[in-house]
C-alpha cells in the first residue's frame, strides 16, 4: 500500500444520495465486490483508508485544501480535471495500488470519468 503517494482521480456527476448507495460497503463470504464502484473497476476490494470522495459544491480550490494535496502537485491534477468540471459534483480519489485498471463508468444515473493517476502527497 503506497498510502496515496500516487492516486487515481475520477470526476463524478452524481447526487449525494447516489454516492451513499454506490459506495455502500457490503461484505460477504463469497468473492463479490464490496460495492458497485469496485465492481465497475473490476476490483473486489479497495482500502477505504486510502480512498475518499470530495464534494465540489465549494469549488476546486476547496477540494485541494480539503484533500491536503501539496501545491506543487496540484497543477497536473487540475489540468486533467478542468475539461470535466462542468456539472461535476464530486472528485473520487483512490490509492494507485488498489485499482489495476481504473476506468470511467456509469452506474445508474451517475457518471464517473477517470482522469488519470497523479502524485498525491
PDB file of N, CA and C in Angstrom:
ATOM      1  N   UNK A   1       0.846  -1.177   0.000  1.00  0.00           N
ATOM      2  CA  UNK A   1       0.000   0.000   0.000  1.00  0.00           C
ATOM      3  C   UNK A   1       0.889   1.238   0.000  1.00  0.00           C
ATOM      4  N   UNK A   2       0.684   2.123  -0.917  1.00  0.00           N
ATOM      5  CA  UNK A   2       1.528   3.313  -1.007  1.00  0.00           C
ATOM      6  C   UNK A   2       0.956   4.498  -0.241  1.00  0.00           C
ATOM      7  N   UNK A   3      -0.196   4.331   0.365  1.00  0.00           N
ATOM      8  CA  UNK A   3      -0.798   5.374   1.195  1.00  0.00           C
ATOM      9  C   UNK A   3      -0.962   6.698   0.462  1.00  0.00           C
ATOM     10  N   UNK A   4      -1.482   6.633  -0.739  1.00  0.00           N
ATOM     11  CA  UNK A   4      -1.797   7.801  -1.554  1.00  0.00           C
ATOM     12  C   UNK A   4      -0.578   8.580  -2.021  1.00  0.00           C
ATOM     13  N   UNK A   5       0.578   7.927  -2.105  1.00  0.00           N
ATOM     14  CA  UNK A   5       1.704   8.603  -2.742  1.00  0.00           C
ATOM     15  C   UNK A   5       1.311   8.962  -4.166  1.00  0.00           C
ATOM     16  N   UNK A   6       0.696   8.002  -4.829  1.00  0.00           N
ATOM     17  CA  UNK A   6       0.127   8.209  -6.163  1.00  0.00           C
ATOM     18  C   UNK A   6      -1.326   7.777  -6.093  1.00  0.00           C
ATOM     19  N   UNK A   7      -2.180   8.534  -6.749  1.00  0.00           N
ATOM     20  CA  UNK A   7      -3.610   8.246  -6.646  1.00  0.00           C
ATOM     21  C   UNK A   7      -4.297   8.375  -7.994  1.00  0.00           C
ATOM     22  N   UNK A   8      -5.361   7.595  -8.146  1.00  0.00           N
ATOM     23  CA  UNK A   8      -6.240   7.698  -9.306  1.00  0.00           C
ATOM     24  C   UNK A   8      -7.325   8.718  -8.990  1.00  0.00           C
ATOM     25  N   UNK A   9      -7.738   9.477 -10.027  1.00  0.00           N
ATOM     26  CA  UNK A   9      -8.756  10.515  -9.863  1.00  0.00           C
ATOM     27  C   UNK A   9      -9.891  10.300 -10.857  1.00  0.00           C
ATOM     28  N   UNK A  10     -11.116  10.411 -10.356  1.00  0.00           N
ATOM     29  CA  UNK A  10     -12.317  10.373 -11.182  1.00  0.00           C
ATOM     30  C   UNK A  10     -13.123  11.635 -10.903  1.00  0.00           C
ATOM     31  N   UNK A  11     -13.739  12.185 -11.922  1.00  0.00           N
ATOM     32  CA  UNK A  11     -14.694  13.281 -11.761  1.00  0.00           C
ATOM     33  C   UNK A  11     -16.077  12.646 -11.784  1.00  0.00           C
ATOM     34  N   UNK A  12     -16.889  12.975 -10.801  1.00  0.00           N
ATOM     35  CA  UNK A  12     -18.220  12.372 -10.700  1.00  0.00           C
ATOM     36  C   UNK A  12     -19.313  13.393 -10.955  1.00  0.00           C
ATOM     37  N   UNK A  13     -20.338  12.930 -11.635  1.00  0.00           N
ATOM     38  CA  UNK A  13     -21.578  13.685 -11.811  1.00  0.00           C
ATOM     39  C   UNK A  13     -22.661  12.797 -11.220  1.00  0.00           C
ATOM     40  N   UNK A  14     -23.050  13.109  -9.992  1.00  0.00           N
ATOM     41  CA  UNK A  14     -23.952  12.245  -9.243  1.00  0.00           C
ATOM     42  C   UNK A  14     -24.601  13.023  -8.108  1.00  0.00           C
ATOM     43  N   UNK A  15     -25.532  12.411  -7.444  1.00  0.00           N
ATOM     44  CA  UNK A  15     -26.171  13.039  -6.286  1.00  0.00           C
ATOM     45  C   UNK A  15     -25.573  12.461  -5.009  1.00  0.00           C
ATOM     46  N   UNK A  16     -25.740  13.181  -3.922  1.00  0.00           N
ATOM     47  CA  UNK A  16     -25.251  12.708  -2.632  1.00  0.00           C
ATOM     48  C   UNK A  16     -25.936  11.397  -2.253  1.00  0.00           C
ATOM     49  N   UNK A  17     -27.223  11.285  -2.551  1.00  0.00           N
ATOM     50  CA  UNK A  17     -27.942  10.047  -2.268  1.00  0.00           C
ATOM     51  C   UNK A  17     -27.349   8.878  -3.063  1.00  0.00           C
ATOM     52  N   UNK A  18     -27.074   9.107  -4.347  1.00  0.00           N
ATOM     53  CA  UNK A  18     -26.483   8.041  -5.165  1.00  0.00           C
ATOM     54  C   UNK A  18     -25.092   7.658  -4.658  1.00  0.00           C
ATOM     55  N   UNK A  19     -24.326   8.640  -4.197  1.00  0.00           N
ATOM     56  CA  UNK A  19     -22.995   8.361  -3.637  1.00  0.00           C
ATOM     57  C   UNK A  19     -23.122   7.357  -2.493  1.00  0.00           C
ATOM     58  N   UNK A  20     -24.066   7.602  -1.592  1.00  0.00           N
ATOM     59  CA  UNK A  20     -24.204   6.708  -0.441  1.00  0.00           C
ATOM     60  C   UNK A  20     -24.612   5.299  -0.857  1.00  0.00           C
ATOM     61  N   UNK A  21     -25.383   5.165  -1.926  1.00  0.00           N
ATOM     62  CA  UNK A  21     -25.792   3.845  -2.416  1.00  0.00           C
ATOM     63  C   UNK A  21     -24.642   3.160  -3.158  1.00  0.00           C
ATOM     64  N   UNK A  22     -24.001   3.877  -4.067  1.00  0.00           N
ATOM     65  CA  UNK A  22     -22.933   3.301  -4.896  1.00  0.00           C
ATOM     66  C   UNK A  22     -21.737   2.850  -4.060  1.00  0.00           C
ATOM     67  N   UNK A  23     -21.408   3.614  -3.024  1.00  0.00           N
ATOM     68  CA  UNK A  23     -20.218   3.322  -2.229  1.00  0.00           C
ATOM     69  C   UNK A  23     -20.519   2.597  -0.920  1.00  0.00           C
ATOM     70  N   UNK A  24     -21.766   2.181  -0.726  1.00  0.00           N
ATOM     71  CA  UNK A  24     -22.119   1.415   0.478  1.00  0.00           C
ATOM     72  C   UNK A  24     -21.373   0.085   0.440  1.00  0.00           C
ATOM     73  N   UNK A  25     -20.605  -0.166   1.481  1.00  0.00           N
ATOM     74  CA  UNK A  25     -19.787  -1.370   1.525  1.00  0.00           C
ATOM     75  C   UNK A  25     -20.570  -2.531   2.124  1.00  0.00           C
ATOM     76  N   UNK A  26     -20.537  -3.645   1.421  1.00  0.00           N
ATOM     77  CA  UNK A  26     -21.131  -4.883   1.924  1.00  0.00           C
ATOM     78  C   UNK A  26     -20.072  -5.971   1.844  1.00  0.00           C
ATOM     79  N   UNK A  27     -20.004  -6.757   2.871  1.00  0.00           N
ATOM     80  CA  UNK A  27     -19.005  -7.823   2.936  1.00  0.00           C
ATOM     81  C   UNK A  27     -19.726  -9.157   2.997  1.00  0.00           C
ATOM     82  N   UNK A  28     -19.215 -10.119   2.248  1.00  0.00           N
ATOM     83  CA  UNK A  28     -19.831 -11.440   2.234  1.00  0.00           C
ATOM     84  C   UNK A  28     -18.748 -12.511   2.195  1.00  0.00           C
ATOM     85  N   UNK A  29     -19.171 -13.738   2.349  1.00  0.00           N
ATOM     86  CA  UNK A  29     -18.244 -14.871   2.342  1.00  0.00           C
ATOM     87  C   UNK A  29     -17.739 -15.202   0.939  1.00  0.00           C
ATOM     88  N   UNK A  30     -18.523 -14.841  -0.070  1.00  0.00           N
ATOM     89  CA  UNK A  30     -18.088 -15.133  -1.441  1.00  0.00           C
ATOM     90  C   UNK A  30     -17.175 -14.019  -1.948  1.00  0.00           C
ATOM     91  N   UNK A  31     -16.680 -14.170  -3.137  1.00  0.00           N
ATOM     92  CA  UNK A  31     -15.773 -13.182  -3.721  1.00  0.00           C
ATOM     93  C   UNK A  31     -16.537 -12.131  -4.507  1.00  0.00           C
ATOM     94  N   UNK A  32     -17.444 -11.444  -3.843  1.00  0.00           N
ATOM     95  CA  UNK A  32     -18.183 -10.385  -4.526  1.00  0.00           C
ATOM     96  C   UNK A  32     -17.593  -9.030  -4.140  1.00  0.00           C
ATOM     97  N   UNK A  33     -17.634  -8.060  -5.042  1.00  0.00           N
ATOM     98  CA  UNK A  33     -17.074  -6.731  -4.769  1.00  0.00           C
ATOM     99  C   UNK A  33     -17.755  -6.065  -3.569  1.00  0.00           C
ATOM    100  N   UNK A  34     -17.007  -5.216  -2.880  1.00  0.00           N
ATOM    101  CA  UNK A  34     -17.552  -4.571  -1.682  1.00  0.00           C
ATOM    102  C   UNK A  34     -18.623  -3.538  -2.000  1.00  0.00           C
ATOM    103  N   UNK A  35     -18.617  -3.005  -3.223  1.00  0.00           N
ATOM    104  CA  UNK A  35     -19.666  -2.062  -3.619  1.00  0.00           C
ATOM    105  C   UNK A  35     -19.715  -1.963  -5.145  1.00  0.00           C
ATOM    106  N   UNK A  36     -20.666  -1.192  -5.632  1.00  0.00           N
ATOM    107  CA  UNK A  36     -20.864  -1.108  -7.079  1.00  0.00           C
ATOM    108  C   UNK A  36     -19.689  -0.426  -7.784  1.00  0.00           C
ATOM    109  N   UNK A  37     -19.068   0.565  -7.146  1.00  0.00           N
ATOM    110  CA  UNK A  37     -17.917   1.222  -7.759  1.00  0.00           C
ATOM    111  C   UNK A  37     -16.773   0.218  -7.935  1.00  0.00           C
ATOM    112  N   UNK A  38     -16.486  -0.556  -6.901  1.00  0.00           N
ATOM    113  CA  UNK A  38     -15.442  -1.583  -7.002  1.00  0.00           C
ATOM    114  C   UNK A  38     -15.767  -2.562  -8.123  1.00  0.00           C
ATOM    115  N   UNK A  39     -17.016  -2.951  -8.220  1.00  0.00           N
ATOM    116  CA  UNK A  39     -17.443  -3.874  -9.276  1.00  0.00           C
ATOM    117  C   UNK A  39     -17.144  -3.298 -10.657  1.00  0.00           C
ATOM    118  N   UNK A  40     -17.478  -2.034 -10.871  1.00  0.00           N
ATOM    119  CA  UNK A  40     -17.252  -1.398 -12.169  1.00  0.00           C
ATOM    120  C   UNK A  40     -15.771  -1.240 -12.492  1.00  0.00           C
ATOM    121  N   UNK A  41     -14.927  -1.267 -11.459  1.00  0.00           N
ATOM    122  CA  UNK A  41     -13.482  -1.158 -11.658  1.00  0.00           C
ATOM    123  C   UNK A  41     -12.814  -2.538 -11.709  1.00  0.00           C
ATOM    124  N   UNK A  42     -13.620  -3.596 -11.722  1.00  0.00           N
ATOM    125  CA  UNK A  42     -13.124  -4.984 -11.694  1.00  0.00           C
ATOM    126  C   UNK A  42     -12.243  -5.267 -10.479  1.00  0.00           C
ATOM    127  N   UNK A  43     -12.642  -4.716  -9.351  1.00  0.00           N
ATOM    128  CA  UNK A  43     -11.941  -4.957  -8.090  1.00  0.00           C
ATOM    129  C   UNK A  43     -12.927  -5.549  -7.092  1.00  0.00           C
ATOM    130  N   UNK A  44     -12.435  -6.407  -6.225  1.00  0.00           N
ATOM    131  CA  UNK A  44     -13.280  -6.933  -5.158  1.00  0.00           C
ATOM    132  C   UNK A  44     -13.257  -6.014  -3.948  1.00  0.00           C
ATOM    133  N   UNK A  45     -12.113  -5.362  -3.732  1.00  0.00           N
ATOM    134  CA  UNK A  45     -11.892  -4.591  -2.513  1.00  0.00           C
ATOM    135  C   UNK A  45     -10.929  -3.449  -2.810  1.00  0.00           C
ATOM    136  N   UNK A  46     -11.062  -2.360  -2.087  1.00  0.00           N
ATOM    137  CA  UNK A  46     -10.042  -1.320  -2.033  1.00  0.00           C
ATOM    138  C   UNK A  46     -10.006  -0.823  -0.600  1.00  0.00           C
ATOM    139  N   UNK A  47      -8.875  -0.327  -0.195  1.00  0.00           N
ATOM    140  CA  UNK A  47      -8.705   0.128   1.179  1.00  0.00           C
ATOM    141  C   UNK A  47      -9.359   1.492   1.339  1.00  0.00           C
ATOM    142  N   UNK A  48     -10.475   1.540   2.063  1.00  0.00           N
ATOM    143  CA  UNK A  48     -11.186   2.815   2.207  1.00  0.00           C
ATOM    144  C   UNK A  48     -10.412   3.827   3.050  1.00  0.00           C
ATOM    145  N   UNK A  49      -9.339   3.396   3.705  1.00  0.00           N
ATOM    146  CA  UNK A  49      -8.486   4.352   4.421  1.00  0.00           C
ATOM    147  C   UNK A  49      -7.697   5.225   3.450  1.00  0.00           C
ATOM    148  N   UNK A  50      -7.547   4.750   2.216  1.00  0.00           N
ATOM    149  CA  UNK A  50      -6.808   5.490   1.200  1.00  0.00           C
ATOM    150  C   UNK A  50      -7.687   5.731  -0.017  1.00  0.00           C
ATOM    151  N   UNK A  51      -8.925   6.076   0.271  1.00  0.00           N
ATOM    152  CA  UNK A  51      -9.939   6.339  -0.752  1.00  0.00           C
ATOM    153  C   UNK A  51     -10.867   7.400  -0.186  1.00  0.00           C
ATOM    154  N   UNK A  52     -11.164   8.419  -0.985  1.00  0.00           N
ATOM    155  CA  UNK A  52     -12.096   9.428  -0.486  1.00  0.00           C
ATOM    156  C   UNK A  52     -12.870  10.072  -1.623  1.00  0.00           C
ATOM    157  N   UNK A  53     -13.962  10.704  -1.245  1.00  0.00           N
ATOM    158  CA  UNK A  53     -14.851  11.392  -2.177  1.00  0.00           C
ATOM    159  C   UNK A  53     -15.031  12.806  -1.650  1.00  0.00           C
ATOM    160  N   UNK A  54     -14.721  13.801  -2.485  1.00  0.00           N
ATOM    161  CA  UNK A  54     -14.852  15.201  -2.083  1.00  0.00           C
ATOM    162  C   UNK A  54     -15.964  15.873  -2.868  1.00  0.00           C
ATOM    163  N   UNK A  55     -16.813  16.558  -2.158  1.00  0.00           N
ATOM    164  CA  UNK A  55     -17.899  17.348  -2.746  1.00  0.00           C
ATOM    165  C   UNK A  55     -17.293  18.605  -3.383  1.00  0.00           C
ATOM    166  N   UNK A  56     -17.751  18.952  -4.567  1.00  0.00           N
ATOM    167  CA  UNK A  56     -17.234  20.135  -5.268  1.00  0.00           C
ATOM    168  C   UNK A  56     -18.112  21.374  -5.094  1.00  0.00           C
ATOM    169  N   UNK A  57     -19.087  21.311  -4.205  1.00  0.00           N
ATOM    170  CA  UNK A  57     -20.013  22.442  -4.069  1.00  0.00           C
ATOM    171  C   UNK A  57     -19.318  23.730  -3.632  1.00  0.00           C
ATOM    172  N   UNK A  58     -18.156  23.610  -3.010  1.00  0.00           N
ATOM    173  CA  UNK A  58     -17.411  24.803  -2.588  1.00  0.00           C
ATOM    174  C   UNK A  58     -16.235  25.114  -3.508  1.00  0.00           C
ATOM    175  N   UNK A  59     -16.177  24.448  -4.662  1.00  0.00           N
ATOM    176  CA  UNK A  59     -15.169  24.772  -5.661  1.00  0.00           C
ATOM    177  C   UNK A  59     -13.937  23.888  -5.621  1.00  0.00           C
ATOM    178  N   UNK A  60     -13.176  24.003  -6.695  1.00  0.00           N
ATOM    179  CA  UNK A  60     -11.990  23.166  -6.865  1.00  0.00           C
ATOM    180  C   UNK A  60     -10.871  23.555  -5.900  1.00  0.00           C
ATOM    181  N   UNK A  61     -10.754  24.849  -5.576  1.00  0.00           N
ATOM    182  CA  UNK A  61      -9.727  25.263  -4.616  1.00  0.00           C
ATOM    183  C   UNK A  61      -9.977  24.632  -3.254  1.00  0.00           C
ATOM    184  N   UNK A  62     -11.242  24.578  -2.857  1.00  0.00           N
ATOM    185  CA  UNK A  62     -11.592  23.944  -1.590  1.00  0.00           C
ATOM    186  C   UNK A  62     -11.294  22.440  -1.628  1.00  0.00           C
ATOM    187  N   UNK A  63     -11.484  21.826  -2.800  1.00  0.00           N
ATOM    188  CA  UNK A  63     -11.135  20.406  -2.945  1.00  0.00           C
ATOM    189  C   UNK A  63      -9.665  20.194  -2.610  1.00  0.00           C
ATOM    190  N   UNK A  64      -8.782  20.989  -3.217  1.00  0.00           N
ATOM    191  CA  UNK A  64      -7.348  20.821  -2.973  1.00  0.00           C
ATOM    192  C   UNK A  64      -7.004  21.068  -1.503  1.00  0.00           C
ATOM    193  N   UNK A  65      -7.640  22.058  -0.895  1.00  0.00           N
ATOM    194  CA  UNK A  65      -7.400  22.359   0.510  1.00  0.00           C
ATOM    195  C   UNK A  65      -7.876  21.207   1.390  1.00  0.00           C
ATOM    196  N   UNK A  66      -9.091  20.740   1.167  1.00  0.00           N
ATOM    197  CA  UNK A  66      -9.652  19.636   1.965  1.00  0.00           C
ATOM    198  C   UNK A  66      -8.859  18.352   1.790  1.00  0.00           C
ATOM    199  N   UNK A  67      -8.410  18.101   0.571  1.00  0.00           N
ATOM    200  CA  UNK A  67      -7.680  16.868   0.271  1.00  0.00           C
ATOM    201  C   UNK A  67      -6.246  16.904   0.788  1.00  0.00           C
ATOM    202  N   UNK A  68      -5.735  18.089   1.076  1.00  0.00           N
ATOM    203  CA  UNK A  68      -4.368  18.205   1.562  1.00  0.00           C
ATOM    204  C   UNK A  68      -3.314  17.919   0.513  1.00  0.00           C
ATOM    205  N   UNK A  69      -3.684  18.103  -0.744  1.00  0.00           N
ATOM    206  CA  UNK A  69      -2.726  17.869  -1.829  1.00  0.00           C
ATOM    207  C   UNK A  69      -1.763  19.053  -1.877  1.00  0.00           C
ATOM    208  N   UNK A  70      -0.457  18.812  -1.774  1.00  0.00           N
ATOM    209  CA  UNK A  70       0.511  19.906  -1.784  1.00  0.00           C
ATOM    210  C   UNK A  70       0.411  20.750  -3.058  1.00  0.00           C
ATOM    211  N   UNK A  71       0.663  22.026  -2.922  1.00  0.00           N
ATOM    212  CA  UNK A  71       0.562  22.973  -4.031  1.00  0.00           C
ATOM    213  C   UNK A  71       1.353  22.511  -5.246  1.00  0.00           C
ATOM    214  N   UNK A  72       2.547  21.978  -5.024  1.00  0.00           N
ATOM    215  CA  UNK A  72       3.393  21.572  -6.152  1.00  0.00           C
ATOM    216  C   UNK A  72       2.807  20.392  -6.938  1.00  0.00           C
ATOM    217  N   UNK A  73       1.849  19.674  -6.368  1.00  0.00           N
ATOM    218  CA  UNK A  73       1.227  18.543  -7.070  1.00  0.00           C
ATOM    219  C   UNK A  73      -0.108  18.907  -7.721  1.00  0.00           C
ATOM    220  N   UNK A  74      -0.602  20.107  -7.496  1.00  0.00           N
ATOM    221  CA  UNK A  74      -1.950  20.466  -7.927  1.00  0.00           C
ATOM    222  C   UNK A  74      -2.096  20.742  -9.422  1.00  0.00           C
ATOM    223  N   UNK A  75      -1.121  21.363 -10.063  1.00  0.00           N
ATOM    224  CA  UNK A  75      -1.292  21.777 -11.458  1.00  0.00           C
ATOM    225  C   UNK A  75      -1.599  20.620 -12.409  1.00  0.00           C
ATOM    226  N   UNK A  76      -0.831  19.526 -12.401  1.00  0.00           N
ATOM    227  CA  UNK A  76      -1.171  18.442 -13.328  1.00  0.00           C
ATOM    228  C   UNK A  76      -2.552  17.837 -13.052  1.00  0.00           C
ATOM    229  N   UNK A  77      -2.931  17.783 -11.790  1.00  0.00           N
ATOM    230  CA  UNK A  77      -4.257  17.265 -11.442  1.00  0.00           C
ATOM    231  C   UNK A  77      -5.329  18.209 -11.961  1.00  0.00           C
ATOM    232  N   UNK A  78      -5.159  19.498 -11.711  1.00  0.00           N
ATOM    233  CA  UNK A  78      -6.132  20.490 -12.171  1.00  0.00           C
ATOM    234  C   UNK A  78      -6.250  20.482 -13.690  1.00  0.00           C
ATOM    235  N   UNK A  79      -5.123  20.382 -14.386  1.00  0.00           N
ATOM    236  CA  UNK A  79      -5.150  20.342 -15.855  1.00  0.00           C
ATOM    237  C   UNK A  79      -5.977  19.156 -16.363  1.00  0.00           C
ATOM    238  N   UNK A  80      -5.879  18.024 -15.686  1.00  0.00           N
ATOM    239  CA  UNK A  80      -6.652  16.839 -16.091  1.00  0.00           C
ATOM    240  C   UNK A  80      -8.124  16.968 -15.714  1.00  0.00           C
ATOM    241  N   UNK A  81      -8.407  17.608 -14.595  1.00  0.00           N
ATOM    242  CA  UNK A  81      -9.792  17.753 -14.131  1.00  0.00           C
ATOM    243  C   UNK A  81     -10.579  18.786 -14.927  1.00  0.00           C
ATOM    244  N   UNK A  82      -9.923  19.889 -15.298  1.00  0.00           N
ATOM    245  CA  UNK A  82     -10.612  21.038 -15.908  1.00  0.00           C
ATOM    246  C   UNK A  82     -11.605  20.691 -17.015  1.00  0.00           C
ATOM    247  N   UNK A  83     -11.236  19.874 -18.007  1.00  0.00           N
ATOM    248  CA  UNK A  83     -12.185  19.610 -19.097  1.00  0.00           C
ATOM    249  C   UNK A  83     -13.454  18.887 -18.650  1.00  0.00           C
ATOM    250  N   UNK A  84     -13.460  18.375 -17.430  1.00  0.00           N
ATOM    251  CA  UNK A  84     -14.581  17.551 -16.964  1.00  0.00           C
ATOM    252  C   UNK A  84     -15.371  18.191 -15.825  1.00  0.00           C
ATOM    253  N   UNK A  85     -15.050  19.413 -15.451  1.00  0.00           N
ATOM    254  CA  UNK A  85     -15.653  20.003 -14.259  1.00  0.00           C
ATOM    255  C   UNK A  85     -17.052  20.575 -14.460  1.00  0.00           C
ATOM    256  N   UNK A  86     -17.456  20.836 -15.697  1.00  0.00           N
ATOM    257  CA  UNK A  86     -18.798  21.366 -15.932  1.00  0.00           C
ATOM    258  C   UNK A  86     -19.829  20.359 -15.419  1.00  0.00           C
ATOM    259  N   UNK A  87     -20.668  20.784 -14.516  1.00  0.00           N
ATOM    260  CA  UNK A  87     -21.705  19.953 -13.882  1.00  0.00           C
ATOM    261  C   UNK A  87     -21.155  18.845 -12.987  1.00  0.00           C
ATOM    262  N   UNK A  88     -19.862  18.852 -12.728  1.00  0.00           N
ATOM    263  CA  UNK A  88     -19.290  17.845 -11.825  1.00  0.00           C
ATOM    264  C   UNK A  88     -19.732  18.135 -10.396  1.00  0.00           C
ATOM    265  N   UNK A  89     -19.947  17.086  -9.635  1.00  0.00           N
ATOM    266  CA  UNK A  89     -20.403  17.237  -8.255  1.00  0.00           C
ATOM    267  C   UNK A  89     -19.379  16.765  -7.230  1.00  0.00           C
ATOM    268  N   UNK A  90     -18.523  15.826  -7.611  1.00  0.00           N
ATOM    269  CA  UNK A  90     -17.575  15.239  -6.674  1.00  0.00           C
ATOM    270  C   UNK A  90     -16.285  14.849  -7.398  1.00  0.00           C
ATOM    271  N   UNK A  91     -15.231  14.724  -6.617  1.00  0.00           N
ATOM    272  CA  UNK A  91     -13.982  14.130  -7.078  1.00  0.00           C
ATOM    273  C   UNK A  91     -13.785  12.865  -6.244  1.00  0.00           C
ATOM    274  N   UNK A  92     -13.477  11.769  -6.916  1.00  0.00           N
ATOM    275  CA  UNK A  92     -13.223  10.493  -6.254  1.00  0.00           C
ATOM    276  C   UNK A  92     -11.731  10.205  -6.387  1.00  0.00           C
ATOM    277  N   UNK A  93     -11.097   9.844  -5.270  1.00  0.00           N
ATOM    278  CA  UNK A  93      -9.653   9.620  -5.250  1.00  0.00           C
ATOM    279  C   UNK A  93      -9.367   8.285  -4.571  1.00  0.00           C
ATOM    280  N   UNK A  94      -8.578   7.446  -5.240  1.00  0.00           N
ATOM    281  CA  UNK A  94      -8.214   6.153  -4.670  1.00  0.00           C
ATOM    282  C   UNK A  94      -6.744   5.853  -4.869  1.00  0.00           C
ATOM    283  N   UNK A  95      -6.162   5.181  -3.903  1.00  0.00           N
ATOM    284  CA  UNK A  95      -4.751   4.827  -3.970  1.00  0.00           C
ATOM    285  C   UNK A  95      -4.445   4.029  -5.237  1.00  0.00           C
ATOM    286  N   UNK A  96      -3.337   4.351  -5.868  1.00  0.00           N
ATOM    287  CA  UNK A  96      -2.991   3.725  -7.153  1.00  0.00           C
ATOM    288  C   UNK A  96      -2.796   2.218  -7.048  1.00  0.00           C
ATOM    289  N   UNK A  97      -2.387   1.733  -5.895  1.00  0.00           N
ATOM    290  CA  UNK A  97      -2.145   0.294  -5.763  1.00  0.00           C
ATOM    291  C   UNK A  97      -3.434  -0.519  -5.631  1.00  0.00           C
ATOM    292  N   UNK A  98      -4.553   0.139  -5.407  1.00  0.00           N
ATOM    293  CA  UNK A  98      -5.820  -0.573  -5.215  1.00  0.00           C
ATOM    294  C   UNK A  98      -6.616  -0.794  -6.495  1.00  0.00           C
ATOM    295  N   UNK A  99      -6.256  -0.118  -7.572  1.00  0.00           N
ATOM    296  CA  UNK A  99      -7.017  -0.210  -8.819  1.00  0.00           C
ATOM    297  C   UNK A  99      -6.057  -0.552  -9.959  1.00  0.00           C
ATOM    298  N   UNK A 100      -6.141  -1.791 -10.450  1.00  0.00           N
ATOM    299  CA  UNK A 100      -5.221  -2.247 -11.504  1.00  0.00           C
ATOM    300  C   UNK A 100      -5.529  -1.634 -12.862  1.00  0.00           C
ATOM    301  N   UNK A 101      -6.801  -1.491 -13.172  1.00  0.00           N
ATOM    302  CA  UNK A 101      -7.223  -0.962 -14.475  1.00  0.00           C
ATOM    303  C   UNK A 101      -8.350   0.050 -14.292  1.00  0.00           C
ATOM    304  N   UNK A 102      -8.036   1.200 -13.719  1.00  0.00           N
ATOM    305  CA  UNK A 102      -9.086   2.192 -13.471  1.00  0.00           C
ATOM    306  C   UNK A 102      -9.719   2.659 -14.774  1.00  0.00           C
ATOM    307  N   UNK A 103     -11.004   2.952 -14.721  1.00  0.00           N
ATOM    308  CA  UNK A 103     -11.718   3.350 -15.941  1.00  0.00           C
ATOM    309  C   UNK A 103     -12.909   4.216 -15.600  1.00  0.00           C
ATOM    310  N   UNK A 104     -13.399   4.892 -16.615  1.00  0.00           N
ATOM    311  CA  UNK A 104     -14.647   5.638 -16.499  1.00  0.00           C
ATOM    312  C   UNK A 104     -15.788   4.639 -16.450  1.00  0.00           C
ATOM    313  N   UNK A 105     -16.874   5.021 -15.791  1.00  0.00           N
ATOM    314  CA  UNK A 105     -18.030   4.127 -15.735  1.00  0.00           C
ATOM    315  C   UNK A 105     -19.300   4.923 -15.463  1.00  0.00           C
ATOM    316  N   UNK A 106     -20.406   4.292 -15.792  1.00  0.00           N
ATOM    317  CA  UNK A 106     -21.725   4.833 -15.485  1.00  0.00           C
ATOM    318  C   UNK A 106     -22.412   3.816 -14.590  1.00  0.00           C
ATOM    319  N   UNK A 107     -22.928   4.301 -13.469  1.00  0.00           N
ATOM    320  CA  UNK A 107     -23.648   3.450 -12.528  1.00  0.00           C
ATOM    321  C   UNK A 107     -25.004   4.103 -12.305  1.00  0.00           C
ATOM    322  N   UNK A 108     -26.034   3.517 -12.868  1.00  0.00           N
ATOM    323  CA  UNK A 108     -27.359   4.135 -12.813  1.00  0.00           C
ATOM    324  C   UNK A 108     -27.321   5.465 -13.538  1.00  0.00           C
ATOM    325  N   UNK A 109     -27.701   6.532 -12.848  1.00  0.00           N
ATOM    326  CA  UNK A 109     -27.668   7.866 -13.451  1.00  0.00           C
ATOM    327  C   UNK A 109     -26.385   8.622 -13.111  1.00  0.00           C
ATOM    328  N   UNK A 110     -25.440   7.957 -12.477  1.00  0.00           N
ATOM    329  CA  UNK A 110     -24.183   8.586 -12.059  1.00  0.00           C
ATOM    330  C   UNK A 110     -23.064   8.273 -13.041  1.00  0.00           C
ATOM    331  N   UNK A 111     -22.264   9.289 -13.321  1.00  0.00           N
ATOM    332  CA  UNK A 111     -21.147   9.143 -14.255  1.00  0.00           C
ATOM    333  C   UNK A 111     -19.844   9.425 -13.525  1.00  0.00           C
ATOM    334  N   UNK A 112     -18.866   8.541 -13.709  1.00  0.00           N
ATOM    335  CA  UNK A 112     -17.542   8.684 -13.121  1.00  0.00           C
ATOM    336  C   UNK A 112     -16.531   8.679 -14.259  1.00  0.00           C
ATOM    337  N   UNK A 113     -15.869   9.810 -14.469  1.00  0.00           N
ATOM    338  CA  UNK A 113     -14.908   9.947 -15.562  1.00  0.00           C
ATOM    339  C   UNK A 113     -13.496   9.847 -14.995  1.00  0.00           C
ATOM    340  N   UNK A 114     -12.772   8.831 -15.428  1.00  0.00           N
ATOM    341  CA  UNK A 114     -11.402   8.644 -14.977  1.00  0.00           C
ATOM    342  C   UNK A 114     -10.511   9.655 -15.682  1.00  0.00           C
ATOM    343  N   UNK A 115      -9.705  10.394 -14.898  1.00  0.00           N
ATOM    344  CA  UNK A 115      -8.850  11.424 -15.499  1.00  0.00           C
ATOM    345  C   UNK A 115      -7.358  11.123 -15.374  1.00  0.00           C
ATOM    346  N   UNK A 116      -6.989  10.091 -14.619  1.00  0.00           N
ATOM    347  CA  UNK A 116      -5.587   9.715 -14.575  1.00  0.00           C
ATOM    348  C   UNK A 116      -5.045   9.468 -13.180  1.00  0.00           C
ATOM    349  N   UNK A 117      -3.761   9.096 -13.165  1.00  0.00           N
ATOM    350  CA  UNK A 117      -3.043   8.864 -11.919  1.00  0.00           C
ATOM    351  C   UNK A 117      -2.021   9.986 -11.742  1.00  0.00           C
ATOM    352  N   UNK A 118      -1.966  10.515 -10.522  1.00  0.00           N
ATOM    353  CA  UNK A 118      -1.091  11.651 -10.241  1.00  0.00           C
ATOM    354  C   UNK A 118      -0.456  11.498  -8.865  1.00  0.00           C
ATOM    355  N   UNK A 119       0.657  12.190  -8.691  1.00  0.00           N
ATOM    356  CA  UNK A 119       1.289  12.244  -7.379  1.00  0.00           C
ATOM    357  C   UNK A 119       0.329  12.966  -6.440  1.00  0.00           C
ATOM    358  N   UNK A 120       0.064  12.363  -5.305  1.00  0.00           N
ATOM    359  CA  UNK A 120      -0.883  12.937  -4.348  1.00  0.00           C
ATOM    360  C   UNK A 120      -0.143  13.650  -3.226  1.00  0.00           C
ATOM    361  N   UNK A 121       0.627  12.926  -2.426  1.00  0.00           N
ATOM    362  CA  UNK A 121       1.345  13.564  -1.313  1.00  0.00           C
ATOM    363  C   UNK A 121       2.634  14.074  -1.812  1.00  0.00           C
TER     364      UNK A 121
END
